[in-house]
Amino acid sequence: MRNTRLKASCFALMVAISGGAHAAQPEDAYPTRPIRMIIGGAAGGSSDVFARAIGDHMASTLGQPVIVEYKPGAGTNIGTEYVVRAKPDGYTILINGLPIVANPHLFSNLGFNPATDLVPISGVAKMTNVITVNASVPVKSLPELVAEARKSPDRFVYGSPGEGTSSHIAGEMLSARTGARFTHTPYRGNAQAMTDLLGGTLQMGFVNTPVAAPFLKEGRLRALAVTSKTRSPLLPDVPTVAEALNLPDFDFNGWFGLFAPRGTPPAIIARLEQAAGKALADPKVDKIFVDAGASAMEPGAASFAKFLTEERNKIDPLLDKRSK
């Protein structure tokens, strides 16, 4: 009887040890439950389109649902901090873009550091902005706009969905590279900024190309240039800033990528990276991106980390003066 009890105890101990070892390395079986993809904005925006497109495909690769959740507010900081504080087990990830680079300059008490508290998984999508003016503004080209803005600083006012967004940073970059001064007015969202641009309260805008395209066609806005290095397929006749102003290295896009909390095991990052890469290679996902005026970024954690370094080197000097 004693031997039977001893054998049972030994067996129970072995199971406990085995179970403990498995629990210490959950990445071996990852994922075993749904994954939450957090957006720091409201439903219906560009990040929502990209999150759902890539999330649905990643779910089929990972064998678990990828559930998109919204935690808007404070320039995406609420959603970002939620992921930073989440357990680093691969079940809570973030999709975000320029605010990851810009917000440390724009908020004095973030409480976290995106550069060190988040791990890049993969770039997702990038999209260009088109520099537009209201049709009533008597400016026909970007060189003319820059010349007029140099003569009359702050005459031209543009809006954005908020500080740190691609519309805001594009204006800061154009101002820094040309010496022309434009006045930035942040809004709570894109809808009101577009309403004021179309109504003439704002003279100019740095607008996502798919948003601007129908108003350009109607003649309510006039396109002067796109901010990317190459022309937009949606606006093939509109020059780039590089072409219009002879600034060959001018290249600026809005973008979105995937992140995980610091401390997430490398094996889990690799699994997520693989799933994201498969999604970005799918023609159906590519079509969703193209229809949204975007293109897929180069997949992979290493390439995304390199991209983030380049973005910080580009944007930090523009915003350093604001945080001092």
C-alpha atoms as a PDB file:
ATOM      1  CA  MET A   1       0.000   0.000   0.000  1.00  0.00           C
ATOM      2  CA  ARG A   2       2.850   2.315   0.935  1.00  0.00           C
ATOM      3  CA  ASN A   3       4.572   1.586  -2.390  1.00  0.00           C
ATOM      4  CA  THR A   4       1.374   2.390  -4.256  1.00  0.00           C
ATOM      5  CA  ARG A   5       1.054   5.706  -2.438  1.00  0.00           C
ATOM      6  CA  LEU A   6       4.730   6.487  -3.014  1.00  0.00           C
ATOM      7  CA  LYS A   7       4.404   5.798  -6.740  1.00  0.00           C
ATOM      8  CA  ALA A   8       1.304   7.979  -6.929  1.00  0.00           C
ATOM      9  CA  SER A   9       3.088  10.803  -5.099  1.00  0.00           C
ATOM     10  CA  CYS A  10       6.100  10.559  -7.417  1.00  0.00           C
ATOM     11  CA  PHE A  11       3.818  10.589 -10.456  1.00  0.00           C
ATOM     12  CA  ALA A  12       1.977  13.649  -9.142  1.00  0.00           C
ATOM     13  CA  LEU A  13       5.295  15.396  -8.494  1.00  0.00           C
ATOM     14  CA  MET A  14       6.503  14.649 -12.032  1.00  0.00           C
ATOM     15  CA  VAL A  15       3.253  16.033 -13.488  1.00  0.00           C
ATOM     16  CA  ALA A  16       3.586  19.165 -11.371  1.00  0.00           C
ATOM     17  CA  ILE A  17       7.196  19.675 -12.465  1.00  0.00           C
ATOM     18  CA  SER A  18       6.290  19.063 -16.093  1.00  0.00           C
ATOM     19  CA  GLY A  19       3.330  21.421 -15.868  1.00  0.00           C
ATOM     20  CA  GLY A  20       5.464  24.079 -14.189  1.00  0.00           C
ATOM     21  CA  ALA A  21       8.073  23.878 -16.922  1.00  0.00           C
ATOM     22  CA  HIS A  22       5.415  24.263 -19.582  1.00  0.00           C
ATOM     23  CA  ALA A  23       3.856  27.207 -17.749  1.00  0.00           C
ATOM     24  CA  ALA A  24       7.253  28.896 -17.624  1.00  0.00           C
ATOM     25  CA  GLN A  25       7.507  28.680 -21.415  1.00  0.00           C
ATOM     26  CA  PRO A  26       3.988  29.445 -22.694  1.00  0.00           C
ATOM     27  CA  GLU A  27       5.437  30.463 -26.042  1.00  0.00           C
ATOM     28  CA  ASP A  28       5.794  26.779 -26.885  1.00  0.00           C
ATOM     29  CA  ALA A  29       2.025  26.501 -27.339  1.00  0.00           C
ATOM     30  CA  TYR A  30       1.272  30.129 -28.298  1.00  0.00           C
ATOM     31  CA  PRO A  31      -1.416  31.140 -29.000  1.00  0.00           C
ATOM     32  CA  THR A  32      -4.029  29.219 -27.048  1.00  0.00           C
ATOM     33  CA  ARG A  33      -6.637  31.976 -26.737  1.00  0.00           C
ATOM     34  CA  PRO A  34      -7.733  35.142 -28.614  1.00  0.00           C
ATOM     35  CA  ILE A  35      -5.273  37.986 -29.160  1.00  0.00           C
ATOM     36  CA  ARG A  36      -6.327  41.593 -28.546  1.00  0.00           C
ATOM     37  CA  MET A  37      -5.109  44.258 -30.982  1.00  0.00           C
ATOM     38  CA  ILE A  38      -5.443  47.666 -29.315  1.00  0.00           C
ATOM     39  CA  ILE A  39      -6.089  50.861 -31.273  1.00  0.00           C
ATOM     40  CA  GLY A  40      -5.471  54.188 -29.531  1.00  0.00           C
ATOM     41  CA  GLY A  41      -8.187  55.889 -31.576  1.00  0.00           C
ATOM     42  CA  ALA A  42     -11.872  55.579 -32.327  1.00  0.00           C
ATOM     43  CA  ALA A  43     -13.539  53.183 -34.725  1.00  0.00           C
ATOM     44  CA  GLY A  44     -13.667  54.071 -38.404  1.00  0.00           C
ATOM     45  CA  GLY A  45     -10.217  55.615 -38.851  1.00  0.00           C
ATOM     46  CA  SER A  46      -7.320  54.445 -41.008  1.00  0.00           C
ATOM     47  CA  SER A  47      -5.847  52.380 -38.182  1.00  0.00           C
ATOM     48  CA  ASP A  48      -9.172  50.548 -37.913  1.00  0.00           C
ATOM     49  CA  VAL A  49      -9.104  49.612 -41.618  1.00  0.00           C
ATOM     50  CA  PHE A  50      -5.557  48.290 -41.434  1.00  0.00           C
ATOM     51  CA  ALA A  51      -6.032  46.559 -38.073  1.00  0.00           C
ATOM     52  CA  ARG A  52      -9.021  44.588 -39.300  1.00  0.00           C
ATOM     53  CA  ALA A  53      -7.429  43.678 -42.629  1.00  0.00           C
ATOM     54  CA  ILE A  54      -4.216  42.368 -41.130  1.00  0.00           C
ATOM     55  CA  GLY A  55      -5.857  41.027 -37.956  1.00  0.00           C
ATOM     56  CA  ASP A  56      -8.320  38.830 -39.823  1.00  0.00           C
ATOM     57  CA  HIS A  57      -5.522  37.288 -41.872  1.00  0.00           C
ATOM     58  CA  MET A  58      -3.230  36.842 -38.871  1.00  0.00           C
ATOM     59  CA  ALA A  59      -6.055  34.997 -37.096  1.00  0.00           C
ATOM     60  CA  SER A  60      -6.176  32.389 -39.851  1.00  0.00           C
ATOM     61  CA  THR A  61      -2.409  31.849 -39.538  1.00  0.00           C
ATOM     62  CA  LEU A  62      -2.314  31.780 -35.747  1.00  0.00           C
ATOM     63  CA  GLY A  63      -5.439  29.674 -35.304  1.00  0.00           C
ATOM     64  CA  GLN A  64      -6.944  32.120 -32.798  1.00  0.00           C
ATOM     65  CA  PRO A  65      -9.162  35.196 -33.229  1.00  0.00           C
ATOM     66  CA  VAL A  66      -7.491  38.617 -33.324  1.00  0.00           C
ATOM     67  CA  ILE A  67      -9.954  40.998 -31.669  1.00  0.00           C
ATOM     68  CA  VAL A  68      -9.667  44.722 -32.395  1.00  0.00           C
ATOM     69  CA  GLU A  69     -10.342  46.932 -29.366  1.00  0.00           C
ATOM     70  CA  TYR A  70     -10.506  50.724 -29.145  1.00  0.00           C
ATOM     71  CA  LYS A  71      -9.016  52.761 -26.315  1.00  0.00           C
ATOM     72  CA  PRO A  72      -9.066  56.321 -27.674  1.00  0.00           C
ATOM     73  CA  GLY A  73      -7.816  59.479 -26.045  1.00  0.00           C
ATOM     74  CA  ALA A  74      -4.777  61.647 -25.297  1.00  0.00           C
ATOM     75  CA  GLY A  75      -3.321  61.390 -28.796  1.00  0.00           C
ATOM     76  CA  THR A  76      -3.400  57.546 -28.680  1.00  0.00           C
ATOM     77  CA  ASN A  77      -1.517  57.539 -25.358  1.00  0.00           C
ATOM     78  CA  ILE A  78      -4.303  55.782 -23.457  1.00  0.00           C
ATOM     79  CA  GLY A  79      -4.240  52.808 -25.796  1.00  0.00           C
ATOM     80  CA  THR A  80      -0.460  52.766 -25.989  1.00  0.00           C
ATOM     81  CA  GLU A  81      -0.008  52.827 -22.215  1.00  0.00           C
ATOM     82  CA  TYR A  82      -2.588  50.077 -21.850  1.00  0.00           C
ATOM     83  CA  VAL A  83      -0.384  47.828 -23.996  1.00  0.00           C
ATOM     84  CA  VAL A  84       2.813  48.961 -22.272  1.00  0.00           C
ATOM     85  CA  ARG A  85       1.317  47.870 -18.918  1.00  0.00           C
ATOM     86  CA  ALA A  86      -0.132  44.622 -20.268  1.00  0.00           C
ATOM     87  CA  LYS A  87       1.356  41.233 -19.467  1.00  0.00           C
ATOM     88  CA  PRO A  88       4.087  40.552 -22.064  1.00  0.00           C
ATOM     89  CA  ASP A  89       2.655  37.248 -23.215  1.00  0.00           C
ATOM     90  CA  GLY A  90       1.642  38.061 -26.798  1.00  0.00           C
ATOM     91  CA  TYR A  91      -2.074  38.295 -26.088  1.00  0.00           C
ATOM     92  CA  THR A  92      -2.204  42.113 -26.048  1.00  0.00           C
ATOM     93  CA  ILE A  93      -0.570  43.952 -28.953  1.00  0.00           C
ATOM     94  CA  LEU A  94      -0.779  47.491 -30.330  1.00  0.00           C
ATOM     95  CA  ILE A  95      -1.281  49.044 -33.734  1.00  0.00           C
ATOM     96  CA  ASN A  96      -0.091  52.652 -33.846  1.00  0.00           C
ATOM     97  CA  GLY A  97       1.868  55.058 -36.011  1.00  0.00           C
ATOM     98  CA  LEU A  98       3.479  58.490 -35.836  1.00  0.00           C
ATOM     99  CA  PRO A  99       2.353  59.243 -32.254  1.00  0.00           C
ATOM    100  CA  ILE A 100       4.816  56.570 -31.115  1.00  0.00           C
ATOM    101  CA  VAL A 101       7.620  58.850 -32.342  1.00  0.00           C
ATOM    102  CA  ALA A 102       6.022  62.265 -31.831  1.00  0.00           C
ATOM    103  CA  ASN A 103       4.247  62.031 -28.477  1.00  0.00           C
ATOM    104  CA  PRO A 104       7.357  62.000 -26.245  1.00  0.00           C
ATOM    105  CA  HIS A 105       7.937  65.547 -27.526  1.00  0.00           C
ATOM    106  CA  LEU A 106       4.327  66.667 -27.199  1.00  0.00           C
ATOM    107  CA  PHE A 107       3.397  65.299 -23.744  1.00  0.00           C
ATOM    108  CA  SER A 108       5.546  66.174 -20.747  1.00  0.00           C
ATOM    109  CA  ASN A 109       4.332  63.382 -18.442  1.00  0.00           C
ATOM    110  CA  LEU A 110       3.789  60.309 -20.571  1.00  0.00           C
ATOM    111  CA  GLY A 111       4.701  57.862 -17.826  1.00  0.00           C
ATOM    112  CA  PHE A 112       6.255  55.493 -20.350  1.00  0.00           C
ATOM    113  CA  ASN A 113       8.827  55.534 -23.144  1.00  0.00           C
ATOM    114  CA  PRO A 114       7.580  54.095 -26.459  1.00  0.00           C
ATOM    115  CA  ALA A 115      11.159  53.600 -27.668  1.00  0.00           C
ATOM    116  CA  THR A 116      12.040  51.254 -24.809  1.00  0.00           C
ATOM    117  CA  ASP A 117       8.710  50.003 -23.438  1.00  0.00           C
ATOM    118  CA  LEU A 118       7.454  48.567 -26.735  1.00  0.00           C
ATOM    119  CA  VAL A 119       8.940  45.921 -29.029  1.00  0.00           C
ATOM    120  CA  PRO A 120       8.415  46.263 -32.808  1.00  0.00           C
ATOM    121  CA  ILE A 121       6.681  43.329 -34.488  1.00  0.00           C
ATOM    122  CA  SER A 122       6.262  44.569 -38.053  1.00  0.00           C
ATOM    123  CA  GLY A 123       5.440  47.606 -40.102  1.00  0.00           C
ATOM    124  CA  VAL A 124       1.944  47.424 -41.599  1.00  0.00           C
ATOM    125  CA  ALA A 125       0.998  50.258 -43.953  1.00  0.00           C
ATOM    126  CA  LYS A 126       2.110  53.685 -45.085  1.00  0.00           C
ATOM    127  CA  MET A 127       0.210  56.433 -46.874  1.00  0.00           C
ATOM    128  CA  THR A 128       1.055  59.822 -48.276  1.00  0.00           C
ATOM    129  CA  ASN A 129      -0.561  63.191 -47.713  1.00  0.00           C
ATOM    130  CA  VAL A 130      -1.386  65.664 -50.456  1.00  0.00           C
ATOM    131  CA  ILE A 131      -0.764  69.361 -49.856  1.00  0.00           C
ATOM    132  CA  THR A 132      -3.982  71.102 -50.819  1.00  0.00           C
ATOM    133  CA  VAL A 133      -5.423  74.596 -50.785  1.00  0.00           C
ATOM    134  CA  ASN A 134      -9.036  75.681 -50.763  1.00  0.00           C
ATOM    135  CA  ALA A 135     -10.157  76.451 -54.326  1.00  0.00           C
ATOM    136  CA  SER A 136     -10.605  80.122 -53.407  1.00  0.00           C
ATOM    137  CA  VAL A 137      -6.918  80.532 -52.522  1.00  0.00           C
ATOM    138  CA  PRO A 138      -5.089  82.116 -55.502  1.00  0.00           C
ATOM    139  CA  VAL A 139      -2.100  79.766 -55.352  1.00  0.00           C
ATOM    140  CA  LYS A 140      -1.495  77.367 -58.238  1.00  0.00           C
ATOM    141  CA  SER A 141       1.713  75.556 -57.269  1.00  0.00           C
ATOM    142  CA  LEU A 142       3.791  74.576 -54.247  1.00  0.00           C
ATOM    143  CA  PRO A 143       6.665  76.970 -55.107  1.00  0.00           C
ATOM    144  CA  GLU A 144       4.095  79.778 -55.240  1.00  0.00           C
ATOM    145  CA  LEU A 145       2.663  78.755 -51.859  1.00  0.00           C
ATOM    146  CA  VAL A 146       6.106  78.689 -50.271  1.00  0.00           C
ATOM    147  CA  ALA A 147       7.000  82.077 -51.752  1.00  0.00           C
ATOM    148  CA  GLU A 148       3.781  83.648 -50.471  1.00  0.00           C
ATOM    149  CA  ALA A 149       4.236  82.082 -47.019  1.00  0.00           C
ATOM    150  CA  ARG A 150       7.765  83.482 -46.802  1.00  0.00           C
ATOM    151  CA  LYS A 151       6.487  86.966 -47.627  1.00  0.00           C
ATOM    152  CA  SER A 152       3.553  86.733 -45.214  1.00  0.00           C
ATOM    153  CA  PRO A 153       4.389  84.387 -42.316  1.00  0.00           C
ATOM    154  CA  ASP A 154       1.399  82.652 -40.743  1.00  0.00           C
ATOM    155  CA  ARG A 155      -0.956  83.798 -43.501  1.00  0.00           C
ATOM    156  CA  PHE A 156      -1.689  80.202 -44.399  1.00  0.00           C
ATOM    157  CA  VAL A 157      -3.449  78.171 -41.708  1.00  0.00           C
ATOM    158  CA  TYR A 158      -3.791  74.405 -41.858  1.00  0.00           C
ATOM    159  CA  GLY A 159      -5.576  71.938 -39.619  1.00  0.00           C
ATOM    160  CA  SER A 160      -4.931  68.393 -38.490  1.00  0.00           C
ATOM    161  CA  PRO A 161      -6.682  65.680 -36.465  1.00  0.00           C
ATOM    162  CA  GLY A 162      -4.285  66.566 -33.648  1.00  0.00           C
ATOM    163  CA  GLU A 163      -0.669  67.169 -32.744  1.00  0.00           C
ATOM    164  CA  GLY A 164       1.654  64.335 -33.681  1.00  0.00           C
ATOM    165  CA  THR A 165      -0.486  63.164 -36.608  1.00  0.00           C
ATOM    166  CA  SER A 166       0.858  62.893 -40.139  1.00  0.00           C
ATOM    167  CA  SER A 167      -0.942  66.101 -41.190  1.00  0.00           C
ATOM    168  CA  HIS A 168       0.730  68.036 -38.383  1.00  0.00           C
ATOM    169  CA  ILE A 169       4.227  66.613 -38.862  1.00  0.00           C
ATOM    170  CA  ALA A 170       4.077  67.089 -42.650  1.00  0.00           C
ATOM    171  CA  GLY A 171       3.443  70.798 -42.097  1.00  0.00           C
ATOM    172  CA  GLU A 172       6.297  71.048 -39.600  1.00  0.00           C
ATOM    173  CA  MET A 173       8.617  69.310 -42.037  1.00  0.00           C
ATOM    174  CA  LEU A 174       7.689  71.500 -45.003  1.00  0.00           C
ATOM    175  CA  SER A 175       8.185  74.610 -42.875  1.00  0.00           C
ATOM    176  CA  ALA A 176      11.584  73.435 -41.619  1.00  0.00           C
ATOM    177  CA  ARG A 177      12.838  72.537 -45.093  1.00  0.00           C
ATOM    178  CA  THR A 178      11.649  75.684 -46.875  1.00  0.00           C
ATOM    179  CA  GLY A 179      11.740  78.451 -44.261  1.00  0.00           C
ATOM    180  CA  ALA A 180       8.079  79.176 -44.942  1.00  0.00           C
ATOM    181  CA  ARG A 181       5.950  79.533 -41.824  1.00  0.00           C
ATOM    182  CA  PHE A 182       2.494  77.974 -41.646  1.00  0.00           C
ATOM    183  CA  THR A 183       0.059  78.126 -38.744  1.00  0.00           C
ATOM    184  CA  HIS A 184      -1.098  74.788 -37.374  1.00  0.00           C
ATOM    185  CA  THR A 185      -4.548  74.379 -35.819  1.00  0.00           C
ATOM    186  CA  PRO A 186      -5.170  71.008 -34.123  1.00  0.00           C
ATOM    187  CA  TYR A 187      -8.700  69.579 -34.108  1.00  0.00           C
ATOM    188  CA  ARG A 188     -10.245  66.699 -32.181  1.00  0.00           C
ATOM    189  CA  GLY A 189     -10.577  64.710 -35.384  1.00  0.00           C
ATOM    190  CA  ASN A 190     -10.271  64.847 -39.140  1.00  0.00           C
ATOM    191  CA  ALA A 191     -13.937  65.564 -39.931  1.00  0.00           C
ATOM    192  CA  GLN A 192     -14.010  69.097 -38.503  1.00  0.00           C
ATOM    193  CA  ALA A 193     -10.621  69.951 -40.006  1.00  0.00           C
ATOM    194  CA  MET A 194     -11.887  68.890 -43.439  1.00  0.00           C
ATOM    195  CA  THR A 195     -15.124  70.863 -42.953  1.00  0.00           C
ATOM    196  CA  ASP A 196     -13.147  74.031 -42.218  1.00  0.00           C
ATOM    197  CA  LEU A 197     -10.755  73.440 -45.116  1.00  0.00           C
ATOM    198  CA  LEU A 198     -13.653  72.980 -47.535  1.00  0.00           C
ATOM    199  CA  GLY A 199     -15.431  76.006 -46.069  1.00  0.00           C
ATOM    200  CA  GLY A 200     -12.402  78.264 -46.364  1.00  0.00           C
ATOM    201  CA  THR A 201     -11.748  78.793 -42.646  1.00  0.00           C
ATOM    202  CA  LEU A 202      -8.477  76.949 -43.269  1.00  0.00           C
ATOM    203  CA  GLN A 203      -6.519  77.969 -46.346  1.00  0.00           C
ATOM    204  CA  MET A 204      -4.522  74.765 -46.763  1.00  0.00           C
ATOM    205  CA  GLY A 205      -4.216  71.195 -45.569  1.00  0.00           C
ATOM    206  CA  PHE A 206      -2.002  68.123 -45.550  1.00  0.00           C
ATOM    207  CA  VAL A 207      -4.704  65.575 -46.292  1.00  0.00           C
ATOM    208  CA  ASN A 208      -4.596  61.796 -46.741  1.00  0.00           C
ATOM    209  CA  THR A 209      -4.857  61.195 -50.475  1.00  0.00           C
ATOM    210  CA  PRO A 210      -8.030  59.035 -50.447  1.00  0.00           C
ATOM    211  CA  VAL A 211      -9.787  61.643 -48.286  1.00  0.00           C
ATOM    212  CA  ALA A 212      -8.766  64.515 -50.571  1.00  0.00           C
ATOM    213  CA  ALA A 213      -9.347  62.767 -53.918  1.00  0.00           C
ATOM    214  CA  PRO A 214     -13.123  63.295 -54.277  1.00  0.00           C
ATOM    215  CA  PHE A 215     -12.893  66.984 -53.309  1.00  0.00           C
ATOM    216  CA  LEU A 216     -10.059  67.496 -55.774  1.00  0.00           C
ATOM    217  CA  LYS A 217     -12.202  65.934 -58.484  1.00  0.00           C
ATOM    218  CA  GLU A 218     -15.099  68.248 -57.588  1.00  0.00           C
ATOM    219  CA  GLY A 219     -12.801  71.279 -57.745  1.00  0.00           C
ATOM    220  CA  ARG A 220     -13.369  72.279 -54.128  1.00  0.00           C
ATOM    221  CA  LEU A 221      -9.687  71.718 -53.313  1.00  0.00           C
ATOM    222  CA  ARG A 222      -6.545  72.175 -55.398  1.00  0.00           C
ATOM    223  CA  ALA A 223      -3.627  69.726 -55.128  1.00  0.00           C
ATOM    224  CA  LEU A 224      -0.122  71.181 -55.057  1.00  0.00           C
ATOM    225  CA  ALA A 225       2.100  68.188 -54.200  1.00  0.00           C
ATOM    226  CA  VAL A 226       2.246  64.871 -52.389  1.00  0.00           C
ATOM    227  CA  THR A 227       4.635  64.425 -49.493  1.00  0.00           C
ATOM    228  CA  SER A 228       5.964  60.962 -50.401  1.00  0.00           C
ATOM    229  CA  LYS A 229       9.109  60.275 -52.399  1.00  0.00           C
ATOM    230  CA  THR A 230       7.104  58.891 -55.310  1.00  0.00           C
ATOM    231  CA  ARG A 231       3.828  60.026 -56.845  1.00  0.00           C
ATOM    232  CA  SER A 232       0.581  58.606 -55.555  1.00  0.00           C
ATOM    233  CA  PRO A 233      -1.272  56.116 -57.787  1.00  0.00           C
ATOM    234  CA  LEU A 234      -4.461  57.929 -56.765  1.00  0.00           C
ATOM    235  CA  LEU A 235      -3.066  61.273 -58.002  1.00  0.00           C
ATOM    236  CA  PRO A 236      -0.552  60.439 -60.746  1.00  0.00           C
ATOM    237  CA  ASP A 237      -0.534  63.973 -62.190  1.00  0.00           C
ATOM    238  CA  VAL A 238       0.345  65.643 -58.879  1.00  0.00           C
ATOM    239  CA  PRO A 239       4.092  66.163 -58.346  1.00  0.00           C
ATOM    240  CA  THR A 240       5.978  65.226 -55.223  1.00  0.00           C
ATOM    241  CA  VAL A 241       7.400  67.874 -52.908  1.00  0.00           C
ATOM    242  CA  ALA A 242      10.829  66.648 -54.006  1.00  0.00           C
ATOM    243  CA  GLU A 243       9.973  67.379 -57.645  1.00  0.00           C
ATOM    244  CA  ALA A 244       8.161  70.666 -57.055  1.00  0.00           C
ATOM    245  CA  LEU A 245      10.809  72.222 -54.811  1.00  0.00           C
ATOM    246  CA  ASN A 246      13.936  70.358 -55.915  1.00  0.00           C
ATOM    247  CA  LEU A 247      14.315  68.701 -52.511  1.00  0.00           C
ATOM    248  CA  PRO A 248      15.350  65.183 -53.572  1.00  0.00           C
ATOM    249  CA  ASP A 249      15.411  63.733 -50.047  1.00  0.00           C
ATOM    250  CA  PHE A 250      12.002  65.036 -48.965  1.00  0.00           C
ATOM    251  CA  ASP A 251       9.935  61.967 -48.133  1.00  0.00           C
ATOM    252  CA  PHE A 252       7.203  61.794 -45.539  1.00  0.00           C
ATOM    253  CA  ASN A 253       4.364  59.328 -45.047  1.00  0.00           C
ATOM    254  CA  GLY A 254       1.852  58.456 -42.417  1.00  0.00           C
ATOM    255  CA  TRP A 255       2.322  54.857 -41.264  1.00  0.00           C
ATOM    256  CA  PHE A 256       1.081  52.152 -38.930  1.00  0.00           C
ATOM    257  CA  GLY A 257       2.870  49.220 -37.340  1.00  0.00           C
ATOM    258  CA  LEU A 258       2.460  46.491 -34.735  1.00  0.00           C
ATOM    259  CA  PHE A 259       4.061  46.516 -31.272  1.00  0.00           C
ATOM    260  CA  ALA A 260       4.168  44.277 -28.199  1.00  0.00           C
ATOM    261  CA  PRO A 261       5.029  45.101 -24.571  1.00  0.00           C
ATOM    262  CA  ARG A 262       8.682  44.989 -23.580  1.00  0.00           C
ATOM    263  CA  GLY A 263       9.609  41.557 -22.261  1.00  0.00           C
ATOM    264  CA  THR A 264       7.478  39.611 -24.713  1.00  0.00           C
ATOM    265  CA  PRO A 265       9.427  36.394 -25.441  1.00  0.00           C
ATOM    266  CA  PRO A 266      11.343  36.439 -28.765  1.00  0.00           C
ATOM    267  CA  ALA A 267       9.616  33.219 -29.852  1.00  0.00           C
ATOM    268  CA  ILE A 268       6.225  34.918 -29.551  1.00  0.00           C
ATOM    269  CA  ILE A 269       7.439  38.025 -31.373  1.00  0.00           C
ATOM    270  CA  ALA A 270       8.678  35.740 -34.161  1.00  0.00           C
ATOM    271  CA  ARG A 271       5.307  34.006 -34.348  1.00  0.00           C
ATOM    272  CA  LEU A 272       3.458  37.326 -34.620  1.00  0.00           C
ATOM    273  CA  GLU A 273       6.025  38.617 -37.101  1.00  0.00           C
ATOM    274  CA  GLN A 274       5.506  35.555 -39.300  1.00  0.00           C
ATOM    275  CA  ALA A 275       1.723  35.929 -39.213  1.00  0.00           C
ATOM    276  CA  ALA A 276       1.932  39.634 -40.077  1.00  0.00           C
ATOM    277  CA  GLY A 277       4.306  38.898 -42.953  1.00  0.00           C
ATOM    278  CA  LYS A 278       1.897  36.370 -44.438  1.00  0.00           C
ATOM    279  CA  ALA A 279      -0.938  38.890 -44.174  1.00  0.00           C
ATOM    280  CA  LEU A 280       1.046  41.630 -45.921  1.00  0.00           C
ATOM    281  CA  ALA A 281       1.862  39.249 -48.774  1.00  0.00           C
ATOM    282  CA  ASP A 282      -1.787  38.411 -49.420  1.00  0.00           C
ATOM    283  CA  PRO A 283      -3.259  40.119 -52.538  1.00  0.00           C
ATOM    284  CA  LYS A 284      -6.614  40.545 -50.789  1.00  0.00           C
ATOM    285  CA  VAL A 285      -4.988  42.500 -47.963  1.00  0.00           C
ATOM    286  CA  ASP A 286      -2.983  44.508 -50.495  1.00  0.00           C
ATOM    287  CA  LYS A 287      -6.198  45.507 -52.299  1.00  0.00           C
ATOM    288  CA  ILE A 288      -7.729  46.755 -49.050  1.00  0.00           C
ATOM    289  CA  PHE A 289      -4.630  48.870 -48.486  1.00  0.00           C
ATOM    290  CA  VAL A 290      -4.622  50.254 -52.055  1.00  0.00           C
ATOM    291  CA  ASP A 291      -8.312  51.119 -51.841  1.00  0.00           C
ATOM    292  CA  ALA A 292      -7.492  53.043 -48.642  1.00  0.00           C
ATOM    293  CA  GLY A 293      -4.714  54.950 -50.418  1.00  0.00           C
ATOM    294  CA  ALA A 294      -1.945  53.016 -48.699  1.00  0.00           C
ATOM    295  CA  SER A 295       0.748  50.477 -49.467  1.00  0.00           C
ATOM    296  CA  ALA A 296       2.153  47.637 -47.398  1.00  0.00           C
ATOM    297  CA  MET A 297       5.375  48.264 -45.514  1.00  0.00           C
ATOM    298  CA  GLU A 298       8.320  45.900 -45.609  1.00  0.00           C
ATOM    299  CA  PRO A 299       7.432  43.117 -43.147  1.00  0.00           C
ATOM    300  CA  GLY A 300       9.525  41.976 -40.219  1.00  0.00           C
ATOM    301  CA  ALA A 301      10.683  43.169 -36.818  1.00  0.00           C
ATOM    302  CA  ALA A 302      14.220  44.055 -37.914  1.00  0.00           C
ATOM    303  CA  SER A 303      13.125  46.188 -40.872  1.00  0.00           C
ATOM    304  CA  PHE A 304      10.489  47.901 -38.739  1.00  0.00           C
ATOM    305  CA  ALA A 305      13.024  48.668 -35.998  1.00  0.00           C
ATOM    306  CA  LYS A 306      15.300  50.226 -38.644  1.00  0.00           C
ATOM    307  CA  PHE A 307      12.374  52.250 -39.988  1.00  0.00           C
ATOM    308  CA  LEU A 308      11.539  53.537 -36.486  1.00  0.00           C
ATOM    309  CA  THR A 309      15.128  54.694 -35.997  1.00  0.00           C
ATOM    310  CA  GLU A 310      14.994  56.558 -39.306  1.00  0.00           C
ATOM    311  CA  GLU A 311      11.659  58.153 -38.368  1.00  0.00           C
ATOM    312  CA  ARG A 312      13.028  59.323 -35.023  1.00  0.00           C
ATOM    313  CA  ASN A 313      16.108  60.780 -36.711  1.00  0.00           C
ATOM    314  CA  LYS A 314      13.798  62.634 -39.109  1.00  0.00           C
ATOM    315  CA  ILE A 315      11.146  63.836 -36.668  1.00  0.00           C
ATOM    316  CA  ASP A 316      13.024  64.412 -33.396  1.00  0.00           C
ATOM    317  CA  PRO A 317      14.795  67.588 -34.640  1.00  0.00           C
ATOM    318  CA  LEU A 318      11.450  69.023 -35.780  1.00  0.00           C
ATOM    319  CA  LEU A 319       9.800  68.582 -32.394  1.00  0.00           C
ATOM    320  CA  ASP A 320      12.740  68.961 -30.003  1.00  0.00           C
ATOM    321  CA  LYS A 321      12.193  72.715 -29.898  1.00  0.00           C
ATOM    322  CA  ARG A 322       8.587  72.169 -28.776  1.00  0.00           C
ATOM    323  CA  SER A 323       9.578  70.101 -25.750  1.00  0.00           C
ATOM    324  CA  LYS A 324      12.185  72.517 -24.418  1.00  0.00           C
END
